């Protein structure tokens, strides 16, 4: 029995709050409440939340009264000390709240909230003579309605400050609170049927058959019993009720009767929703080539000295095989592996390669899973029993929050990809950088991999902070694809442009179709047309809530905003001048798909973009169909550029390279090179050299020259020099501060005031305030400041100064939304 020491708990609530909240632990729970558990607490007068116990101590807060913890939800902690240390690092580095991280980290089914309900205490003896007038009123209402909410108690008594009265009644054992925490997680339950124990003896079973056979009305039951025994193999076995009911000649009523008459037992069992996988190959079948073997040996030899390795391997160089070999070493030592991917589309493609070696040791985790599935994966990762847990997790950026018990390796594939960055809401973290910290906390190894590494990662490798490993040849021995650049301006002049395709691209596609080869076309814009425009007055339909034009989607016959989802019907005439000459400008993936059906009517054409991949399994279906050669031509946005491995693709077409290059961002040259090289790498990976055709108005741009030569070093050397001159990463750290409000005038006035204050601290290190590329999104106007901090200067001190200024400024500008993005990409 614990001593009656007054203990308090610091609770993280799933809200953007600047600090934890202190709650008192009831004496009888002193030994039960543990750090990392979920508990139920009350915030304010009405709201109930499940929070995480962050700390336990005996220091009474400097307030007159402290609320008690209402309930404990977990027997054991669900958040480990290492996870808390990761949360603390993220909160500090990305300048966000622990509540933001809790919201991002926990599946929504583990974040519960509700109204408190009050019921009569089951042990109440019925004596109401000692009740006060107010207590009697509440007691009468509760008795009549069986349960009431706090707001009903307030209405009954007329007292806003009702909680002290309710607490008094709780202490007197008159009432209790019932936390109706409506968990969204429901285990998957299935019914299993077995033969009742009484009839498992041979004699009694014979009598049962004789009894059923003797009566005509029991013929269906007789047949159902026979079929059950034939499926169950022996009398002790059980089978799923669903499997039995699917058998021919069995009616649901026959099964129901056998259950009712207690010939069958029915037992409900919790079932896993997760896919069971089987390994097909042993590791003996994995053969590394010379380059891969050298890279593997170097990683193993410098495992402790260089905890972070960067594998720079050309597209198709066999990085996955290298990963598999390292993964096997780690799980053989009994440790876990996290394999991060930037795109959900890649998980289904890669899982088929990994499961051949690791089978059911692999779990997949990303946002497309249901709450139930995510909870099951969460529990399988933190299971302390090795045989019952996942050894390998393949997932998107949110996988870094899973409760690993013994993480030994983190792989970040396509580490350059901006999809690893969380933009909104907070925490605005980069999963690649956070994964390195996660691995460090677990004393694990990190392997970053890419054919086109980010400048920051490559710089760190060149500076000897990371181990650098190069794979310069393709695993299959095939040459990198031949890259051909077509000048669209010249093609238009010579009338060799057909819709949005040059003559050269169409001829090469026709040759590929003749040879029964596949084609990938890259257009980094979804929809049918960029926008509509009136030829008479130049009117363009725009979004009501954002400062962007609406994109035409032919399939739905709507004009849509890609930022807020606003949509309108296609106007029959210009609302400004009444003209019917409204034309389409620009083109997207939907338009390309339609035109291809005209040029190649016999081809099977599919499109992969956000519009066609909203369903949970749509990625997998498209990729599987393309892999199985059911699709001849695949049109897509940037999701087709990343890590997909197809044997039969001979032609890759980049339809509008200028839209990638000409973007107002200091990373545009780097990003353009990365996207073009990545999509080019999908061509000719196995049997023959592929061909890439780039359509552009500027064939002499340096980014395109670097792609033709596949010259990463040239791109890196040019860009790293520019970054140094103009004070950008990796030589400087960036922090973006955004001020938002629905009123444009308030934003402008507030940003001018903020500019004066922040320049007092940072002087010329501050850029702005400036409107972003899109000044208004979802009715909020925004102005941005960019802070550049030298690598040598203290970023911690800079963040502290920003935090103090923000808190002061926010206090006098309560309606203004201020957000911070550390290391924006």
Foldseek 3Di string as FASTA:
>chain_A
DDDQAWKKFFWQALDQDAGTAIATEHSVCPVQDDAQFWFWDDDPQWKIKTTGGHDMDRDDDPDDDHHHTQGTDDRDHLADPLLVVLLVVLCQQLVTHSSNVVNLQDQVLNIWMDTKKKAFQPPDPPDCPPPDPLRVQVLVVCVVVRMDTSVVSCVRRVDPPCVVVVVVCVVVNGMGIDDPGPRPADFDKFKKKAFFPVCLDPVNVVVVLVVLVVDPVSPLLNVLVVVQCVVQVHRGGIDTPVVSCPDPSHHPVSVVVCVVVRRMDMDMDGDAPFDFWAAADECVVQDDDPQLVVVLVVCVVCCQVFQEAEEQEAQQLCVVSSVLVVLVVQVVVVAAEEEEELDPLVVLQVCVVNCNHVTRLEDEDDDQDDSNNNVCLLCQQPDPDSVRHRRYYYYYLSVLSRRHPQHAEYEYEQLQDQSQFDDDDPPRDRSSVSVSVSCVSNVHGYYYYDNQHDLQVVVCCVVVNHPYRYRYAHRQRADQAFEAEDAVVVQVVVVQQDPLDGVVQLVVLVVLVVVLFAEEEEDAFAAFFLWKAAPPPGDTDPDPFWQGGFGHHPVVQWTADPFPGDIDHDDCADPPPRHNRIGGHHGHQRNVQVVVCVSCVPFAEEEDDCVQPVHSCSSVVVLVCVQVSVHRYYYYYLVLLPDREHARYAEYEYRELCVQQPDPDLCSLSRSLRSLSSSSSNHNSHDHHHYYYYYYNCCPDPSNVCSSVVPSVVSSVVSVVVCVVVQHPPFWWKKKKKKKALDPVCQVVLQVVLVVVVCVPQPPQKDDQDQPPIQGGRSMGMTMIMGIGGPVDDPSVVSVVVVVSCVVSCVVVVRMDMGMGTRND
